[in-house]
Amino acid sequence: MFVRHEANAPSGGQVTHIDIGDFLTRGARNPEHQALLRLIGTLTEASTKPVAAHQMSAIDFVENSARLRAARYREEGDRFRSLAEVEPIAALRRHLAVLARQYERIAADLEPRVRG
């Protein structure tokens, strides 16, 4: 999921898309952060799924989402690593190993920082 940010005219008016986890975990808590957290809170409270998501705070919801995404990137990294191990062509083996490392770095970047 992404946050669509539309800069005002004096700032250039550009539109950017920011990963929701990145948006909420970096920088000061400005009105945009607070509004998004309130919206996420209403979505999790209104959830009819049997999952206990409605009991999570908005920040916990985002952090859990980031952890799940990190796990998925780690799985893909492991898959690329496994492919590299059996690849007979050296150039392809190197590329697969590079992809595996990149996916692991992405997974590490997605892990929520410890709040304190």
PDB file of N, CA and C in Angstrom:
ATOM      1  N   MET A   1       0.840  -1.169   0.000  1.00  0.00           N
ATOM      2  CA  MET A   1       0.000   0.000   0.000  1.00  0.00           C
ATOM      3  C   MET A   1       0.888   1.237   0.000  1.00  0.00           C
ATOM      4  N   PHE A   2       0.374   2.271  -0.638  1.00  0.00           N
ATOM      5  CA  PHE A   2       1.142   3.500  -0.762  1.00  0.00           C
ATOM      6  C   PHE A   2       0.316   4.700  -0.335  1.00  0.00           C
ATOM      7  N   VAL A   3       1.026   5.728   0.074  1.00  0.00           N
ATOM      8  CA  VAL A   3       0.422   7.025   0.353  1.00  0.00           C
ATOM      9  C   VAL A   3       0.696   7.892  -0.872  1.00  0.00           C
ATOM     10  N   ARG A   4      -0.345   8.493  -1.396  1.00  0.00           N
ATOM     11  CA  ARG A   4      -0.191   9.408  -2.529  1.00  0.00           C
ATOM     12  C   ARG A   4      -0.076  10.812  -1.957  1.00  0.00           C
ATOM     13  N   HIS A   5       1.049  11.462  -2.212  1.00  0.00           N
ATOM     14  CA  HIS A   5       1.276  12.807  -1.703  1.00  0.00           C
ATOM     15  C   HIS A   5       1.286  13.787  -2.867  1.00  0.00           C
ATOM     16  N   GLU A   6       0.430  14.768  -2.776  1.00  0.00           N
ATOM     17  CA  GLU A   6       0.374  15.818  -3.790  1.00  0.00           C
ATOM     18  C   GLU A   6       0.894  17.104  -3.165  1.00  0.00           C
ATOM     19  N   ALA A   7       2.066  17.534  -3.604  1.00  0.00           N
ATOM     20  CA  ALA A   7       2.653  18.766  -3.075  1.00  0.00           C
ATOM     21  C   ALA A   7       1.826  19.959  -3.532  1.00  0.00           C
ATOM     22  N   ASN A   8       1.826  20.997  -2.704  1.00  0.00           N
ATOM     23  CA  ASN A   8       1.087  22.199  -3.095  1.00  0.00           C
ATOM     24  C   ASN A   8       1.842  22.929  -4.211  1.00  0.00           C
ATOM     25  N   ALA A   9       1.192  23.882  -4.848  1.00  0.00           N
ATOM     26  CA  ALA A   9       1.768  24.587  -6.000  1.00  0.00           C
ATOM     27  C   ALA A   9       3.105  25.240  -5.681  1.00  0.00           C
ATOM     28  N   PRO A  10       3.255  25.961  -4.548  1.00  0.00           N
ATOM     29  CA  PRO A  10       4.554  26.573  -4.263  1.00  0.00           C
ATOM     30  C   PRO A  10       5.687  25.548  -4.112  1.00  0.00           C
ATOM     31  N   SER A  11       5.332  24.314  -3.747  1.00  0.00           N
ATOM     32  CA  SER A  11       6.349  23.260  -3.600  1.00  0.00           C
ATOM     33  C   SER A  11       6.581  22.495  -4.900  1.00  0.00           C
ATOM     34  N   GLY A  12       5.943  22.903  -5.962  1.00  0.00           N
ATOM     35  CA  GLY A  12       6.158  22.262  -7.254  1.00  0.00           C
ATOM     36  C   GLY A  12       4.993  21.424  -7.735  1.00  0.00           C
ATOM     37  N   GLY A  13       4.056  21.105  -6.850  1.00  0.00           N
ATOM     38  CA  GLY A  13       2.861  20.382  -7.247  1.00  0.00           C
ATOM     39  C   GLY A  13       3.074  18.954  -7.695  1.00  0.00           C
ATOM     40  N   GLN A  14       4.244  18.377  -7.419  1.00  0.00           N
ATOM     41  CA  GLN A  14       4.508  17.014  -7.868  1.00  0.00           C
ATOM     42  C   GLN A  14       3.742  15.991  -7.034  1.00  0.00           C
ATOM     43  N   VAL A  15       3.406  14.881  -7.676  1.00  0.00           N
ATOM     44  CA  VAL A  15       2.730  13.775  -7.015  1.00  0.00           C
ATOM     45  C   VAL A  15       3.756  12.670  -6.792  1.00  0.00           C
ATOM     46  N   THR A  16       3.821  12.169  -5.560  1.00  0.00           N
ATOM     47  CA  THR A  16       4.703  11.051  -5.255  1.00  0.00           C
ATOM     48  C   THR A  16       3.908   9.967  -4.555  1.00  0.00           C
ATOM     49  N   HIS A  17       4.402   8.743  -4.648  1.00  0.00           N
ATOM     50  CA  HIS A  17       3.806   7.604  -3.955  1.00  0.00           C
ATOM     51  C   HIS A  17       4.854   7.084  -2.982  1.00  0.00           C
ATOM     52  N   ILE A  18       4.478   7.003  -1.696  1.00  0.00           N
ATOM     53  CA  ILE A  18       5.382   6.589  -0.637  1.00  0.00           C
ATOM     54  C   ILE A  18       4.797   5.354   0.029  1.00  0.00           C
ATOM     55  N   ASP A  19       5.625   4.350   0.242  1.00  0.00           N
ATOM     56  CA  ASP A  19       5.183   3.158   0.953  1.00  0.00           C
ATOM     57  C   ASP A  19       4.597   3.572   2.299  1.00  0.00           C
ATOM     58  N   ILE A  20       3.455   3.003   2.650  1.00  0.00           N
ATOM     59  CA  ILE A  20       2.746   3.422   3.861  1.00  0.00           C
ATOM     60  C   ILE A  20       3.595   3.221   5.121  1.00  0.00           C
ATOM     61  N   GLY A  21       4.333   2.135   5.162  1.00  0.00           N
ATOM     62  CA  GLY A  21       5.201   1.901   6.319  1.00  0.00           C
ATOM     63  C   GLY A  21       6.309   2.932   6.408  1.00  0.00           C
ATOM     64  N   ASP A  22       6.926   3.242   5.257  1.00  0.00           N
ATOM     65  CA  ASP A  22       7.970   4.269   5.235  1.00  0.00           C
ATOM     66  C   ASP A  22       7.407   5.611   5.663  1.00  0.00           C
ATOM     67  N   PHE A  23       6.232   5.933   5.163  1.00  0.00           N
ATOM     68  CA  PHE A  23       5.606   7.213   5.485  1.00  0.00           C
ATOM     69  C   PHE A  23       5.380   7.350   6.990  1.00  0.00           C
ATOM     70  N   LEU A  24       4.901   6.286   7.619  1.00  0.00           N
ATOM     71  CA  LEU A  24       4.548   6.368   9.035  1.00  0.00           C
ATOM     72  C   LEU A  24       5.734   6.208   9.978  1.00  0.00           C
ATOM     73  N   THR A  25       6.819   5.609   9.508  1.00  0.00           N
ATOM     74  CA  THR A  25       7.945   5.375  10.415  1.00  0.00           C
ATOM     75  C   THR A  25       9.046   6.410  10.299  1.00  0.00           C
ATOM     76  N   ARG A  26       8.952   7.337   9.373  1.00  0.00           N
ATOM     77  CA  ARG A  26      10.009   8.343   9.275  1.00  0.00           C
ATOM     78  C   ARG A  26       9.458   9.736   9.573  1.00  0.00           C
ATOM     79  N   GLY A  27      10.333  10.547  10.083  1.00  0.00           N
ATOM     80  CA  GLY A  27       9.981  11.945  10.287  1.00  0.00           C
ATOM     81  C   GLY A  27       9.053  12.184  11.464  1.00  0.00           C
ATOM     82  N   ALA A  28       8.759  13.446  11.656  1.00  0.00           N
ATOM     83  CA  ALA A  28       7.896  13.878  12.758  1.00  0.00           C
ATOM     84  C   ALA A  28       6.449  13.473  12.489  1.00  0.00           C
ATOM     85  N   ARG A  29       5.674  13.426  13.534  1.00  0.00           N
ATOM     86  CA  ARG A  29       4.254  13.111  13.412  1.00  0.00           C
ATOM     87  C   ARG A  29       3.496  14.390  13.069  1.00  0.00           C
ATOM     88  N   ASN A  30       3.348  14.640  11.792  1.00  0.00           N
ATOM     89  CA  ASN A  30       2.640  15.842  11.349  1.00  0.00           C
ATOM     90  C   ASN A  30       1.155  15.522  11.157  1.00  0.00           C
ATOM     91  N   PRO A  31       0.347  16.493  10.807  1.00  0.00           N
ATOM     92  CA  PRO A  31      -1.094  16.242  10.644  1.00  0.00           C
ATOM     93  C   PRO A  31      -1.416  15.133   9.647  1.00  0.00           C
ATOM     94  N   GLU A  32      -0.604  15.005   8.596  1.00  0.00           N
ATOM     95  CA  GLU A  32      -0.848  13.939   7.620  1.00  0.00           C
ATOM     96  C   GLU A  32      -0.678  12.561   8.264  1.00  0.00           C
ATOM     97  N   HIS A  33       0.370  12.414   9.111  1.00  0.00           N
ATOM     98  CA  HIS A  33       0.571  11.148   9.819  1.00  0.00           C
ATOM     99  C   HIS A  33      -0.628  10.845  10.709  1.00  0.00           C
ATOM    100  N   GLN A  34      -1.035  11.846  11.476  1.00  0.00           N
ATOM    101  CA  GLN A  34      -2.134  11.645  12.414  1.00  0.00           C
ATOM    102  C   GLN A  34      -3.431  11.268  11.691  1.00  0.00           C
ATOM    103  N   ALA A  35      -3.689  11.924  10.577  1.00  0.00           N
ATOM    104  CA  ALA A  35      -4.913  11.627   9.817  1.00  0.00           C
ATOM    105  C   ALA A  35      -4.882  10.193   9.293  1.00  0.00           C
ATOM    106  N   LEU A  36      -3.726   9.763   8.780  1.00  0.00           N
ATOM    107  CA  LEU A  36      -3.619   8.398   8.264  1.00  0.00           C
ATOM    108  C   LEU A  36      -3.757   7.383   9.391  1.00  0.00           C
ATOM    109  N   LEU A  37      -3.137   7.649  10.526  1.00  0.00           N
ATOM    110  CA  LEU A  37      -3.266   6.727  11.660  1.00  0.00           C
ATOM    111  C   LEU A  37      -4.711   6.608  12.119  1.00  0.00           C
ATOM    112  N   ARG A  38      -5.435   7.734  12.145  1.00  0.00           N
ATOM    113  CA  ARG A  38      -6.858   7.678  12.521  1.00  0.00           C
ATOM    114  C   ARG A  38      -7.645   6.848  11.511  1.00  0.00           C
ATOM    115  N   LEU A  39      -7.358   7.047  10.227  1.00  0.00           N
ATOM    116  CA  LEU A  39      -8.049   6.284   9.186  1.00  0.00           C
ATOM    117  C   LEU A  39      -7.765   4.793   9.322  1.00  0.00           C
ATOM    118  N   ILE A  40      -6.511   4.436   9.521  1.00  0.00           N
ATOM    119  CA  ILE A  40      -6.164   3.024   9.691  1.00  0.00           C
ATOM    120  C   ILE A  40      -6.865   2.461  10.921  1.00  0.00           C
ATOM    121  N   GLY A  41      -6.904   3.260  11.976  1.00  0.00           N
ATOM    122  CA  GLY A  41      -7.604   2.825  13.191  1.00  0.00           C
ATOM    123  C   GLY A  41      -9.060   2.513  12.933  1.00  0.00           C
ATOM    124  N   THR A  42      -9.726   3.342  12.128  1.00  0.00           N
ATOM    125  CA  THR A  42     -11.141   3.077  11.841  1.00  0.00           C
ATOM    126  C   THR A  42     -11.289   1.830  10.986  1.00  0.00           C
ATOM    127  N   LEU A  43     -10.346   1.586  10.106  1.00  0.00           N
ATOM    128  CA  LEU A  43     -10.419   0.388   9.259  1.00  0.00           C
ATOM    129  C   LEU A  43     -10.235  -0.869  10.086  1.00  0.00           C
ATOM    130  N   THR A  44      -9.284  -0.837  11.017  1.00  0.00           N
ATOM    131  CA  THR A  44      -9.054  -2.039  11.817  1.00  0.00           C
ATOM    132  C   THR A  44     -10.174  -2.246  12.822  1.00  0.00           C
ATOM    133  N   GLU A  45     -10.765  -1.179  13.332  1.00  0.00           N
ATOM    134  CA  GLU A  45     -11.879  -1.318  14.262  1.00  0.00           C
ATOM    135  C   GLU A  45     -13.116  -1.868  13.563  1.00  0.00           C
ATOM    136  N   ALA A  46     -13.274  -1.525  12.291  1.00  0.00           N
ATOM    137  CA  ALA A  46     -14.461  -1.956  11.561  1.00  0.00           C
ATOM    138  C   ALA A  46     -14.296  -3.329  10.924  1.00  0.00           C
ATOM    139  N   SER A  47     -13.144  -3.929  11.120  1.00  0.00           N
ATOM    140  CA  SER A  47     -12.866  -5.215  10.489  1.00  0.00           C
ATOM    141  C   SER A  47     -13.853  -6.273  10.966  1.00  0.00           C
ATOM    142  N   THR A  48     -14.377  -7.041  10.021  1.00  0.00           N
ATOM    143  CA  THR A  48     -15.280  -8.136  10.376  1.00  0.00           C
ATOM    144  C   THR A  48     -14.576  -9.479  10.259  1.00  0.00           C
ATOM    145  N   LYS A  49     -13.290  -9.444   9.909  1.00  0.00           N
ATOM    146  CA  LYS A  49     -12.536 -10.685   9.793  1.00  0.00           C
ATOM    147  C   LYS A  49     -12.311 -11.264  11.186  1.00  0.00           C
ATOM    148  N   PRO A  50     -12.166 -12.589  11.261  1.00  0.00           N
ATOM    149  CA  PRO A  50     -11.957 -13.203  12.568  1.00  0.00           C
ATOM    150  C   PRO A  50     -10.612 -12.856  13.193  1.00  0.00           C
ATOM    151  N   VAL A  51      -9.720 -12.226  12.427  1.00  0.00           N
ATOM    152  CA  VAL A  51      -8.420 -11.823  12.953  1.00  0.00           C
ATOM    153  C   VAL A  51      -8.631 -10.712  13.965  1.00  0.00           C
ATOM    154  N   ALA A  52      -7.783 -10.646  14.953  1.00  0.00           N
ATOM    155  CA  ALA A  52      -7.935  -9.637  16.007  1.00  0.00           C
ATOM    156  C   ALA A  52      -7.343  -8.293  15.594  1.00  0.00           C
ATOM    157  N   ALA A  53      -7.398  -7.956  14.326  1.00  0.00           N
ATOM    158  CA  ALA A  53      -6.835  -6.695  13.839  1.00  0.00           C
ATOM    159  C   ALA A  53      -7.501  -5.504  14.495  1.00  0.00           C
ATOM    160  N   HIS A  54      -8.768  -5.630  14.837  1.00  0.00           N
ATOM    161  CA  HIS A  54      -9.468  -4.501  15.449  1.00  0.00           C
ATOM    162  C   HIS A  54      -8.917  -4.176  16.828  1.00  0.00           C
ATOM    163  N   GLN A  55      -8.127  -5.078  17.395  1.00  0.00           N
ATOM    164  CA  GLN A  55      -7.541  -4.827  18.707  1.00  0.00           C
ATOM    165  C   GLN A  55      -6.159  -4.196  18.598  1.00  0.00           C
ATOM    166  N   MET A  56      -5.633  -4.071  17.391  1.00  0.00           N
ATOM    167  CA  MET A  56      -4.318  -3.479  17.185  1.00  0.00           C
ATOM    168  C   MET A  56      -4.426  -1.979  17.064  1.00  0.00           C
ATOM    169  N   SER A  57      -3.391  -1.301  17.531  1.00  0.00           N
ATOM    170  CA  SER A  57      -3.321   0.128  17.258  1.00  0.00           C
ATOM    171  C   SER A  57      -2.905   0.281  15.798  1.00  0.00           C
ATOM    172  N   ALA A  58      -3.073   1.457  15.265  1.00  0.00           N
ATOM    173  CA  ALA A  58      -2.705   1.700  13.869  1.00  0.00           C
ATOM    174  C   ALA A  58      -1.217   1.463  13.650  1.00  0.00           C
ATOM    175  N   ILE A  59      -0.396   1.879  14.586  1.00  0.00           N
ATOM    176  CA  ILE A  59       1.050   1.683  14.441  1.00  0.00           C
ATOM    177  C   ILE A  59       1.375   0.199  14.468  1.00  0.00           C
ATOM    178  N   ASP A  60       0.745  -0.566  15.380  1.00  0.00           N
ATOM    179  CA  ASP A  60       0.966  -2.010  15.425  1.00  0.00           C
ATOM    180  C   ASP A  60       0.542  -2.665  14.113  1.00  0.00           C
ATOM    181  N   PHE A  61      -0.565  -2.199  13.545  1.00  0.00           N
ATOM    182  CA  PHE A  61      -1.053  -2.719  12.272  1.00  0.00           C
ATOM    183  C   PHE A  61      -0.010  -2.507  11.178  1.00  0.00           C
ATOM    184  N   VAL A  62       0.547  -1.303  11.103  1.00  0.00           N
ATOM    185  CA  VAL A  62       1.546  -0.990  10.082  1.00  0.00           C
ATOM    186  C   VAL A  62       2.817  -1.793  10.310  1.00  0.00           C
ATOM    187  N   GLU A  63       3.244  -1.892  11.568  1.00  0.00           N
ATOM    188  CA  GLU A  63       4.449  -2.664  11.865  1.00  0.00           C
ATOM    189  C   GLU A  63       4.266  -4.135  11.532  1.00  0.00           C
ATOM    190  N   ASN A  64       3.097  -4.689  11.838  1.00  0.00           N
ATOM    191  CA  ASN A  64       2.821  -6.080  11.509  1.00  0.00           C
ATOM    192  C   ASN A  64       2.849  -6.279   9.994  1.00  0.00           C
ATOM    193  N   SER A  65       2.268  -5.334   9.279  1.00  0.00           N
ATOM    194  CA  SER A  65       2.285  -5.394   7.820  1.00  0.00           C
ATOM    195  C   SER A  65       3.713  -5.377   7.296  1.00  0.00           C
ATOM    196  N   ALA A  66       4.544  -4.516   7.871  1.00  0.00           N
ATOM    197  CA  ALA A  66       5.948  -4.435   7.440  1.00  0.00           C
ATOM    198  C   ALA A  66       6.671  -5.747   7.727  1.00  0.00           C
ATOM    199  N   ARG A  67       6.386  -6.357   8.881  1.00  0.00           N
ATOM    200  CA  ARG A  67       7.018  -7.645   9.203  1.00  0.00           C
ATOM    201  C   ARG A  67       6.621  -8.723   8.203  1.00  0.00           C
ATOM    202  N   LEU A  68       5.347  -8.748   7.832  1.00  0.00           N
ATOM    203  CA  LEU A  68       4.886  -9.736   6.851  1.00  0.00           C
ATOM    204  C   LEU A  68       5.545  -9.520   5.500  1.00  0.00           C
ATOM    205  N   ARG A  69       5.660  -8.262   5.095  1.00  0.00           N
ATOM    206  CA  ARG A  69       6.326  -7.959   3.825  1.00  0.00           C
ATOM    207  C   ARG A  69       7.799  -8.335   3.889  1.00  0.00           C
ATOM    208  N   ALA A  70       8.455  -8.070   5.026  1.00  0.00           N
ATOM    209  CA  ALA A  70       9.863  -8.429   5.187  1.00  0.00           C
ATOM    210  C   ALA A  70      10.036  -9.940   5.072  1.00  0.00           C
ATOM    211  N   ALA A  71       9.128 -10.692   5.685  1.00  0.00           N
ATOM    212  CA  ALA A  71       9.198 -12.152   5.602  1.00  0.00           C
ATOM    213  C   ALA A  71       9.062 -12.623   4.161  1.00  0.00           C
ATOM    214  N   ARG A  72       8.177 -11.982   3.413  1.00  0.00           N
ATOM    215  CA  ARG A  72       7.985 -12.351   2.004  1.00  0.00           C
ATOM    216  C   ARG A  72       9.244 -12.055   1.185  1.00  0.00           C
ATOM    217  N   TYR A  73       9.888 -10.916   1.435  1.00  0.00           N
ATOM    218  CA  TYR A  73      11.136 -10.594   0.730  1.00  0.00           C
ATOM    219  C   TYR A  73      12.239 -11.582   1.109  1.00  0.00           C
ATOM    220  N   ARG A  74      12.274 -11.998   2.383  1.00  0.00           N
ATOM    221  CA  ARG A  74      13.277 -12.996   2.792  1.00  0.00           C
ATOM    222  C   ARG A  74      13.048 -14.323   2.074  1.00  0.00           C
ATOM    223  N   GLU A  75      11.771 -14.712   1.939  1.00  0.00           N
ATOM    224  CA  GLU A  75      11.462 -15.952   1.214  1.00  0.00           C
ATOM    225  C   GLU A  75      11.948 -15.868  -0.229  1.00  0.00           C
ATOM    226  N   GLU A  76      11.704 -14.741  -0.856  1.00  0.00           N
ATOM    227  CA  GLU A  76      12.156 -14.572  -2.244  1.00  0.00           C
ATOM    228  C   GLU A  76      13.682 -14.583  -2.314  1.00  0.00           C
ATOM    229  N   GLY A  77      14.326 -13.935  -1.354  1.00  0.00           N
ATOM    230  CA  GLY A  77      15.795 -13.960  -1.306  1.00  0.00           C
ATOM    231  C   GLY A  77      16.318 -15.379  -1.172  1.00  0.00           C
ATOM    232  N   ASP A  78      15.674 -16.166  -0.311  1.00  0.00           N
ATOM    233  CA  ASP A  78      16.065 -17.571  -0.154  1.00  0.00           C
ATOM    234  C   ASP A  78      15.869 -18.345  -1.453  1.00  0.00           C
ATOM    235  N   ARG A  79      14.791 -18.038  -2.155  1.00  0.00           N
ATOM    236  CA  ARG A  79      14.524 -18.717  -3.429  1.00  0.00           C
ATOM    237  C   ARG A  79      15.624 -18.394  -4.443  1.00  0.00           C
ATOM    238  N   PHE A  80      15.999 -17.108  -4.544  1.00  0.00           N
ATOM    239  CA  PHE A  80      17.073 -16.734  -5.459  1.00  0.00           C
ATOM    240  C   PHE A  80      18.394 -17.384  -5.050  1.00  0.00           C
ATOM    241  N   ARG A  81      18.649 -17.461  -3.742  1.00  0.00           N
ATOM    242  CA  ARG A  81      19.881 -18.081  -3.254  1.00  0.00           C
ATOM    243  C   ARG A  81      19.911 -19.562  -3.634  1.00  0.00           C
ATOM    244  N   SER A  82      18.770 -20.238  -3.476  1.00  0.00           N
ATOM    245  CA  SER A  82      18.694 -21.654  -3.842  1.00  0.00           C
ATOM    246  C   SER A  82      18.923 -21.857  -5.332  1.00  0.00           C
ATOM    247  N   LEU A  83      18.348 -20.973  -6.137  1.00  0.00           N
ATOM    248  CA  LEU A  83      18.560 -21.059  -7.583  1.00  0.00           C
ATOM    249  C   LEU A  83      20.030 -20.840  -7.930  1.00  0.00           C
ATOM    250  N   ALA A  84      20.668 -19.901  -7.233  1.00  0.00           N
ATOM    251  CA  ALA A  84      22.083 -19.610  -7.497  1.00  0.00           C
ATOM    252  C   ALA A  84      22.952 -20.820  -7.178  1.00  0.00           C
ATOM    253  N   GLU A  85      22.601 -21.537  -6.129  1.00  0.00           N
ATOM    254  CA  GLU A  85      23.410 -22.684  -5.709  1.00  0.00           C
ATOM    255  C   GLU A  85      23.448 -23.793  -6.745  1.00  0.00           C
ATOM    256  N   VAL A  86      22.397 -23.914  -7.542  1.00  0.00           N
ATOM    257  CA  VAL A  86      22.355 -25.002  -8.526  1.00  0.00           C
ATOM    258  C   VAL A  86      22.562 -24.522  -9.958  1.00  0.00           C
ATOM    259  N   GLU A  87      22.738 -23.222 -10.143  1.00  0.00           N
ATOM    260  CA  GLU A  87      22.896 -22.671 -11.493  1.00  0.00           C
ATOM    261  C   GLU A  87      24.287 -22.995 -12.038  1.00  0.00           C
ATOM    262  N   PRO A  88      24.353 -23.681 -13.198  1.00  0.00           N
ATOM    263  CA  PRO A  88      25.658 -24.050 -13.756  1.00  0.00           C
ATOM    264  C   PRO A  88      26.372 -22.889 -14.471  1.00  0.00           C
ATOM    265  N   ILE A  89      25.651 -21.891 -14.908  1.00  0.00           N
ATOM    266  CA  ILE A  89      26.268 -20.781 -15.640  1.00  0.00           C
ATOM    267  C   ILE A  89      26.711 -19.720 -14.632  1.00  0.00           C
ATOM    268  N   ALA A  90      28.022 -19.456 -14.598  1.00  0.00           N
ATOM    269  CA  ALA A  90      28.607 -18.587 -13.574  1.00  0.00           C
ATOM    270  C   ALA A  90      27.990 -17.191 -13.563  1.00  0.00           C
ATOM    271  N   ALA A  91      27.785 -16.597 -14.734  1.00  0.00           N
ATOM    272  CA  ALA A  91      27.234 -15.233 -14.791  1.00  0.00           C
ATOM    273  C   ALA A  91      25.827 -15.192 -14.202  1.00  0.00           C
ATOM    274  N   LEU A  92      25.003 -16.161 -14.528  1.00  0.00           N
ATOM    275  CA  LEU A  92      23.659 -16.222 -13.968  1.00  0.00           C
ATOM    276  C   LEU A  92      23.693 -16.490 -12.468  1.00  0.00           C
ATOM    277  N   ARG A  93      24.621 -17.353 -12.046  1.00  0.00           N
ATOM    278  CA  ARG A  93      24.767 -17.660 -10.625  1.00  0.00           C
ATOM    279  C   ARG A  93      25.101 -16.385  -9.838  1.00  0.00           C
ATOM    280  N   ARG A  94      26.011 -15.570 -10.388  1.00  0.00           N
ATOM    281  CA  ARG A  94      26.366 -14.306  -9.721  1.00  0.00           C
ATOM    282  C   ARG A  94      25.167 -13.366  -9.644  1.00  0.00           C
ATOM    283  N   HIS A  95      24.420 -13.252 -10.731  1.00  0.00           N
ATOM    284  CA  HIS A  95      23.245 -12.368 -10.744  1.00  0.00           C
ATOM    285  C   HIS A  95      22.191 -12.832  -9.744  1.00  0.00           C
ATOM    286  N   LEU A  96      21.980 -14.123  -9.674  1.00  0.00           N
ATOM    287  CA  LEU A  96      21.008 -14.655  -8.712  1.00  0.00           C
ATOM    288  C   LEU A  96      21.457 -14.378  -7.274  1.00  0.00           C
ATOM    289  N   ALA A  97      22.761 -14.509  -7.031  1.00  0.00           N
ATOM    290  CA  ALA A  97      23.284 -14.224  -5.690  1.00  0.00           C
ATOM    291  C   ALA A  97      23.120 -12.744  -5.344  1.00  0.00           C
ATOM    292  N   VAL A  98      23.325 -11.876  -6.326  1.00  0.00           N
ATOM    293  CA  VAL A  98      23.129 -10.435  -6.107  1.00  0.00           C
ATOM    294  C   VAL A  98      21.664 -10.164  -5.780  1.00  0.00           C
ATOM    295  N   LEU A  99      20.752 -10.767  -6.530  1.00  0.00           N
ATOM    296  CA  LEU A  99      19.322 -10.595  -6.252  1.00  0.00           C
ATOM    297  C   LEU A  99      18.979 -11.070  -4.847  1.00  0.00           C
ATOM    298  N   ALA A 100      19.543 -12.186  -4.444  1.00  0.00           N
ATOM    299  CA  ALA A 100      19.277 -12.708  -3.103  1.00  0.00           C
ATOM    300  C   ALA A 100      19.717 -11.697  -2.041  1.00  0.00           C
ATOM    301  N   ARG A 101      20.893 -11.102  -2.205  1.00  0.00           N
ATOM    302  CA  ARG A 101      21.381 -10.102  -1.242  1.00  0.00           C
ATOM    303  C   ARG A 101      20.513  -8.858  -1.247  1.00  0.00           C
ATOM    304  N   GLN A 102      20.065  -8.437  -2.425  1.00  0.00           N
ATOM    305  CA  GLN A 102      19.198  -7.255  -2.511  1.00  0.00           C
ATOM    306  C   GLN A 102      17.874  -7.493  -1.788  1.00  0.00           C
ATOM    307  N   TYR A 103      17.292  -8.657  -1.981  1.00  0.00           N
ATOM    308  CA  TYR A 103      16.035  -8.970  -1.301  1.00  0.00           C
ATOM    309  C   TYR A 103      16.230  -9.013   0.214  1.00  0.00           C
ATOM    310  N   GLU A 104      17.369  -9.533   0.665  1.00  0.00           N
ATOM    311  CA  GLU A 104      17.636  -9.565   2.100  1.00  0.00           C
ATOM    312  C   GLU A 104      17.777  -8.144   2.655  1.00  0.00           C
ATOM    313  N   ARG A 105      18.417  -7.261   1.903  1.00  0.00           N
ATOM    314  CA  ARG A 105      18.546  -5.860   2.351  1.00  0.00           C
ATOM    315  C   ARG A 105      17.179  -5.182   2.412  1.00  0.00           C
ATOM    316  N   ILE A 106      16.339  -5.444   1.415  1.00  0.00           N
ATOM    317  CA  ILE A 106      14.985  -4.873   1.430  1.00  0.00           C
ATOM    318  C   ILE A 106      14.238  -5.367   2.668  1.00  0.00           C
ATOM    319  N   ALA A 107      14.342  -6.662   2.946  1.00  0.00           N
ATOM    320  CA  ALA A 107      13.663  -7.226   4.115  1.00  0.00           C
ATOM    321  C   ALA A 107      14.166  -6.559   5.394  1.00  0.00           C
ATOM    322  N   ALA A 108      15.458  -6.356   5.497  1.00  0.00           N
ATOM    323  CA  ALA A 108      16.022  -5.714   6.688  1.00  0.00           C
ATOM    324  C   ALA A 108      15.518  -4.278   6.819  1.00  0.00           C
ATOM    325  N   ASP A 109      15.418  -3.581   5.701  1.00  0.00           N
ATOM    326  CA  ASP A 109      14.923  -2.194   5.726  1.00  0.00           C
ATOM    327  C   ASP A 109      13.452  -2.122   6.115  1.00  0.00           C
ATOM    328  N   LEU A 110      12.696  -3.160   5.802  1.00  0.00           N
ATOM    329  CA  LEU A 110      11.266  -3.161   6.121  1.00  0.00           C
ATOM    330  C   LEU A 110      10.972  -3.460   7.582  1.00  0.00           C
ATOM    331  N   GLU A 111      11.907  -4.112   8.269  1.00  0.00           N
ATOM    332  CA  GLU A 111      11.669  -4.450   9.662  1.00  0.00           C
ATOM    333  C   GLU A 111      11.439  -3.179  10.460  1.00  0.00           C
ATOM    334  N   PRO A 112      10.356  -3.132  11.226  1.00  0.00           N
ATOM    335  CA  PRO A 112      10.060  -1.927  12.018  1.00  0.00           C
ATOM    336  C   PRO A 112      11.170  -1.664  13.037  1.00  0.00           C
ATOM    337  N   ARG A 113      11.432  -0.399  13.249  1.00  0.00           N
ATOM    338  CA  ARG A 113      12.418   0.000  14.254  1.00  0.00           C
ATOM    339  C   ARG A 113      11.785  -0.146  15.632  1.00  0.00           C
ATOM    340  N   VAL A 114      12.608  -0.407  16.616  1.00  0.00           N
ATOM    341  CA  VAL A 114      12.116  -0.564  17.981  1.00  0.00           C
ATOM    342  C   VAL A 114      11.660   0.786  18.501  1.00  0.00           C
ATOM    343  N   ARG A 115      10.400   0.810  18.984  1.00  0.00           N
ATOM    344  CA  ARG A 115       9.872   2.047  19.584  1.00  0.00           C
ATOM    345  C   ARG A 115      10.297   2.085  21.034  1.00  0.00           C
ATOM    346  N   GLY A 116      10.516   3.287  21.504  1.00  0.00           N
ATOM    347  CA  GLY A 116      10.907   3.331  22.897  1.00  0.00           C
ATOM    348  C   GLY A 116      10.759   4.664  23.512  1.00  0.00           C
TER     349      GLY A 116
END
